[in-house]
Amino acid sequence: MNWPESLYVRLSSAYAQRVRTLIVDQDQRLVERLAATLRLDGYEVSTSGSGHDAIELVAEQPPDAMLLECHLPDRDGTEVCRRVRRCRDTSGS
């Protein structure tokens, strides 16, 4: 089935408005571009430049989705991912 583009845009925007997204990367220019693009599509976006700050943000308000750089200056992305999972498991989210 071929959906009209206007319907697709409305459906994706309606879905996006409910999605909290966290972007974690030390490249501030990249983070700003990604955040701007997602916000234009209606996503609620938080950003972080470090693994430590990302873990704190997740503890305060868990995101629905996270874009995570693997090579952060303060922590390995895998470690951040493990801690985020533990945080979500203990919070019941």
N, C-alpha and C. Protein backbone atom coordinates (compact mmCIF):
# COMPACT_ATOMS: atom_id res chain seq x y z
N MET A 1 0.84 -1.18 0.00
CA MET A 1 0.00 0.00 0.00
C MET A 1 0.89 1.24 0.00
N ASN A 2 0.52 2.21 -0.77
CA ASN A 2 1.29 3.44 -0.90
C ASN A 2 0.62 4.55 -0.10
N TRP A 3 1.19 4.94 1.04
CA TRP A 3 0.62 5.96 1.90
C TRP A 3 1.00 7.34 1.40
N PRO A 4 0.07 8.29 1.45
CA PRO A 4 0.42 9.67 1.09
C PRO A 4 1.46 10.20 2.08
N GLU A 5 2.42 10.96 1.58
CA GLU A 5 3.50 11.46 2.42
C GLU A 5 2.96 12.29 3.59
N SER A 6 1.93 13.07 3.38
CA SER A 6 1.39 13.91 4.45
C SER A 6 0.87 13.06 5.61
N LEU A 7 0.27 11.90 5.31
CA LEU A 7 -0.21 11.01 6.36
C LEU A 7 0.96 10.43 7.13
N TYR A 8 2.00 10.02 6.42
CA TYR A 8 3.20 9.48 7.06
C TYR A 8 3.81 10.50 8.01
N VAL A 9 3.93 11.74 7.58
CA VAL A 9 4.51 12.79 8.41
C VAL A 9 3.67 13.00 9.66
N ARG A 10 2.35 13.02 9.53
CA ARG A 10 1.49 13.21 10.70
C ARG A 10 1.61 12.03 11.66
N LEU A 11 1.64 10.81 11.13
CA LEU A 11 1.75 9.65 12.00
C LEU A 11 3.10 9.60 12.70
N SER A 12 4.18 9.88 11.98
CA SER A 12 5.49 9.82 12.60
C SER A 12 5.65 10.94 13.62
N SER A 13 5.09 12.11 13.37
CA SER A 13 5.16 13.20 14.33
C SER A 13 4.36 12.89 15.58
N ALA A 14 3.19 12.28 15.42
CA ALA A 14 2.38 11.92 16.57
C ALA A 14 3.10 10.90 17.44
N TYR A 15 3.77 9.93 16.83
CA TYR A 15 4.53 8.94 17.59
C TYR A 15 5.73 9.59 18.25
N ALA A 16 6.44 10.43 17.51
CA ALA A 16 7.67 11.04 18.00
C ALA A 16 7.43 11.90 19.22
N GLN A 17 6.28 12.54 19.34
CA GLN A 17 6.02 13.42 20.46
C GLN A 17 6.00 12.67 21.78
N ARG A 18 5.82 11.39 21.73
CA ARG A 18 5.81 10.60 22.97
C ARG A 18 7.17 10.00 23.28
N VAL A 19 8.15 10.16 22.43
CA VAL A 19 9.43 9.48 22.58
C VAL A 19 10.48 10.42 23.17
N ARG A 20 10.94 10.08 24.38
CA ARG A 20 12.05 10.82 24.99
C ARG A 20 13.35 10.16 24.54
N THR A 21 14.24 10.95 23.97
CA THR A 21 15.48 10.42 23.42
C THR A 21 16.68 11.10 24.08
N LEU A 22 17.69 10.31 24.41
CA LEU A 22 18.93 10.83 24.98
C LEU A 22 20.05 10.58 23.98
N ILE A 23 20.78 11.64 23.64
CA ILE A 23 21.94 11.54 22.75
C ILE A 23 23.19 11.73 23.59
N VAL A 24 24.12 10.76 23.52
CA VAL A 24 25.35 10.81 24.32
C VAL A 24 26.54 10.74 23.38
N ASP A 25 27.29 11.85 23.30
CA ASP A 25 28.49 11.91 22.46
C ASP A 25 29.29 13.14 22.86
N GLN A 26 30.60 13.04 22.78
CA GLN A 26 31.44 14.18 23.13
C GLN A 26 31.56 15.19 21.99
N ASP A 27 31.16 14.81 20.78
CA ASP A 27 31.20 15.70 19.62
C ASP A 27 29.97 16.61 19.66
N GLN A 28 30.14 17.80 20.21
CA GLN A 28 29.03 18.71 20.43
C GLN A 28 28.32 19.11 19.14
N ARG A 29 29.08 19.30 18.07
CA ARG A 29 28.45 19.66 16.78
C ARG A 29 27.52 18.56 16.29
N LEU A 30 27.97 17.32 16.40
CA LEU A 30 27.14 16.19 16.00
C LEU A 30 25.88 16.10 16.86
N VAL A 31 26.07 16.24 18.17
CA VAL A 31 24.94 16.18 19.10
C VAL A 31 23.91 17.27 18.76
N GLU A 32 24.39 18.47 18.50
CA GLU A 32 23.48 19.58 18.18
C GLU A 32 22.70 19.30 16.90
N ARG A 33 23.37 18.77 15.89
CA ARG A 33 22.69 18.45 14.62
C ARG A 33 21.63 17.37 14.81
N LEU A 34 22.02 16.29 15.49
CA LEU A 34 21.07 15.20 15.73
C LEU A 34 19.88 15.68 16.55
N ALA A 35 20.15 16.44 17.59
CA ALA A 35 19.08 16.94 18.46
C ALA A 35 18.14 17.85 17.69
N ALA A 36 18.68 18.73 16.88
CA ALA A 36 17.85 19.65 16.10
C ALA A 36 16.95 18.87 15.13
N THR A 37 17.52 17.88 14.48
CA THR A 37 16.74 17.07 13.53
C THR A 37 15.62 16.32 14.24
N LEU A 38 15.93 15.70 15.36
CA LEU A 38 14.91 14.95 16.10
C LEU A 38 13.83 15.88 16.65
N ARG A 39 14.23 17.04 17.13
CA ARG A 39 13.24 17.99 17.66
C ARG A 39 12.30 18.47 16.56
N LEU A 40 12.84 18.67 15.35
CA LEU A 40 11.97 19.07 14.24
C LEU A 40 10.90 18.02 13.96
N ASP A 41 11.23 16.76 14.23
CA ASP A 41 10.27 15.67 14.03
C ASP A 41 9.39 15.44 15.26
N GLY A 42 9.55 16.29 16.28
CA GLY A 42 8.68 16.21 17.44
C GLY A 42 9.20 15.40 18.62
N TYR A 43 10.42 14.90 18.53
CA TYR A 43 10.98 14.14 19.64
C TYR A 43 11.37 15.07 20.78
N GLU A 44 11.27 14.56 22.00
CA GLU A 44 11.77 15.26 23.18
C GLU A 44 13.22 14.78 23.35
N VAL A 45 14.19 15.69 23.31
CA VAL A 45 15.59 15.30 23.26
C VAL A 45 16.37 15.87 24.45
N SER A 46 17.16 15.01 25.09
CA SER A 46 18.14 15.41 26.09
C SER A 46 19.50 15.04 25.53
N THR A 47 20.54 15.74 25.97
CA THR A 47 21.88 15.45 25.47
C THR A 47 22.88 15.37 26.62
N SER A 48 23.96 14.68 26.36
CA SER A 48 25.04 14.57 27.32
C SER A 48 26.35 14.38 26.57
N GLY A 49 27.41 14.93 27.12
CA GLY A 49 28.73 14.79 26.52
C GLY A 49 29.61 13.78 27.23
N SER A 50 29.07 13.14 28.28
CA SER A 50 29.88 12.17 29.01
C SER A 50 29.02 11.01 29.51
N GLY A 51 29.67 9.91 29.78
CA GLY A 51 28.97 8.75 30.29
C GLY A 51 28.41 8.99 31.69
N HIS A 52 29.19 9.65 32.52
CA HIS A 52 28.76 9.95 33.88
C HIS A 52 27.46 10.75 33.89
N ASP A 53 27.44 11.82 33.10
CA ASP A 53 26.24 12.66 33.03
C ASP A 53 25.05 11.90 32.44
N ALA A 54 25.32 11.05 31.46
CA ALA A 54 24.24 10.27 30.84
C ALA A 54 23.59 9.36 31.87
N ILE A 55 24.39 8.71 32.70
CA ILE A 55 23.85 7.82 33.72
C ILE A 55 22.99 8.60 34.71
N GLU A 56 23.44 9.80 35.08
CA GLU A 56 22.64 10.64 35.98
C GLU A 56 21.32 11.05 35.34
N LEU A 57 21.36 11.42 34.05
CA LEU A 57 20.13 11.81 33.35
C LEU A 57 19.14 10.65 33.28
N VAL A 58 19.65 9.46 33.03
CA VAL A 58 18.78 8.28 32.95
C VAL A 58 18.16 8.00 34.32
N ALA A 59 18.92 8.18 35.38
CA ALA A 59 18.39 7.95 36.72
C ALA A 59 17.27 8.93 37.05
N GLU A 60 17.40 10.18 36.58
CA GLU A 60 16.39 11.21 36.83
C GLU A 60 15.13 10.99 35.99
N GLN A 61 15.33 10.74 34.71
CA GLN A 61 14.19 10.57 33.80
C GLN A 61 14.61 9.63 32.67
N PRO A 62 14.28 8.35 32.80
CA PRO A 62 14.71 7.37 31.79
C PRO A 62 14.16 7.71 30.40
N PRO A 63 15.02 7.67 29.40
CA PRO A 63 14.56 7.91 28.03
C PRO A 63 13.92 6.67 27.44
N ASP A 64 13.17 6.87 26.37
CA ASP A 64 12.61 5.75 25.63
C ASP A 64 13.63 5.17 24.65
N ALA A 65 14.55 6.04 24.21
CA ALA A 65 15.59 5.64 23.26
C ALA A 65 16.86 6.40 23.58
N MET A 66 18.00 5.79 23.26
CA MET A 66 19.28 6.44 23.52
C MET A 66 20.23 6.20 22.35
N LEU A 67 20.86 7.26 21.87
CA LEU A 67 21.93 7.16 20.87
C LEU A 67 23.23 7.35 21.64
N LEU A 68 24.06 6.33 21.68
CA LEU A 68 25.22 6.30 22.58
C LEU A 68 26.51 6.06 21.81
N GLU A 69 27.46 6.97 21.96
CA GLU A 69 28.81 6.82 21.40
C GLU A 69 29.54 5.74 22.20
N CYS A 70 30.24 4.87 21.54
CA CYS A 70 30.96 3.79 22.23
C CYS A 70 32.25 4.24 22.89
N HIS A 71 32.86 5.30 22.36
CA HIS A 71 34.17 5.74 22.86
C HIS A 71 34.05 7.12 23.49
N LEU A 72 33.53 7.13 24.71
CA LEU A 72 33.39 8.39 25.45
C LEU A 72 34.68 8.68 26.22
N PRO A 73 34.95 9.94 26.51
CA PRO A 73 36.21 10.28 27.18
C PRO A 73 36.31 9.74 28.61
N ASP A 74 35.20 9.64 29.33
CA ASP A 74 35.26 9.24 30.73
C ASP A 74 34.88 7.78 30.98
N ARG A 75 34.11 7.19 30.06
CA ARG A 75 33.66 5.82 30.25
C ARG A 75 33.46 5.15 28.91
N ASP A 76 33.61 3.87 28.89
CA ASP A 76 33.32 3.08 27.70
C ASP A 76 31.80 3.01 27.52
N GLY A 77 31.33 3.11 26.29
CA GLY A 77 29.91 3.07 26.01
C GLY A 77 29.24 1.80 26.51
N THR A 78 29.96 0.68 26.49
CA THR A 78 29.41 -0.59 26.98
C THR A 78 29.13 -0.50 28.47
N GLU A 79 30.03 0.12 29.20
CA GLU A 79 29.84 0.30 30.65
C GLU A 79 28.62 1.19 30.91
N VAL A 80 28.50 2.26 30.15
CA VAL A 80 27.35 3.16 30.29
C VAL A 80 26.06 2.38 30.03
N CYS A 81 26.06 1.59 29.01
CA CYS A 81 24.88 0.79 28.66
C CYS A 81 24.52 -0.16 29.80
N ARG A 82 25.49 -0.82 30.39
CA ARG A 82 25.24 -1.74 31.51
C ARG A 82 24.64 -1.00 32.70
N ARG A 83 25.20 0.16 33.02
CA ARG A 83 24.69 0.94 34.15
C ARG A 83 23.28 1.46 33.89
N VAL A 84 23.03 1.87 32.66
CA VAL A 84 21.70 2.34 32.30
C VAL A 84 20.69 1.20 32.46
N ARG A 85 21.06 0.03 32.02
CA ARG A 85 20.16 -1.13 32.16
C ARG A 85 19.88 -1.42 33.63
N ARG A 86 20.92 -1.40 34.45
CA ARG A 86 20.74 -1.63 35.89
C ARG A 86 19.81 -0.57 36.48
N CYS A 87 20.03 0.67 36.08
CA CYS A 87 19.21 1.78 36.58
C CYS A 87 17.75 1.56 36.19
N ARG A 88 17.51 1.17 34.96
CA ARG A 88 16.13 0.93 34.48
C ARG A 88 15.52 -0.28 35.19
N ASP A 89 16.33 -1.33 35.40
CA ASP A 89 15.81 -2.54 36.06
C ASP A 89 15.39 -2.26 37.50
N THR A 90 16.17 -1.43 38.20
CA THR A 90 15.85 -1.14 39.60
C THR A 90 14.75 -0.10 39.75
N SER A 91 14.54 0.73 38.73
CA SER A 91 13.50 1.74 38.83
C SER A 91 12.13 1.21 38.41
N GLY A 92 12.11 0.06 37.75
CA GLY A 92 10.84 -0.52 37.31
C GLY A 92 10.32 0.08 36.03
N SER A 93 11.14 0.85 35.29
CA SER A 93 10.71 1.46 34.03
C SER A 93 10.70 0.47 32.92
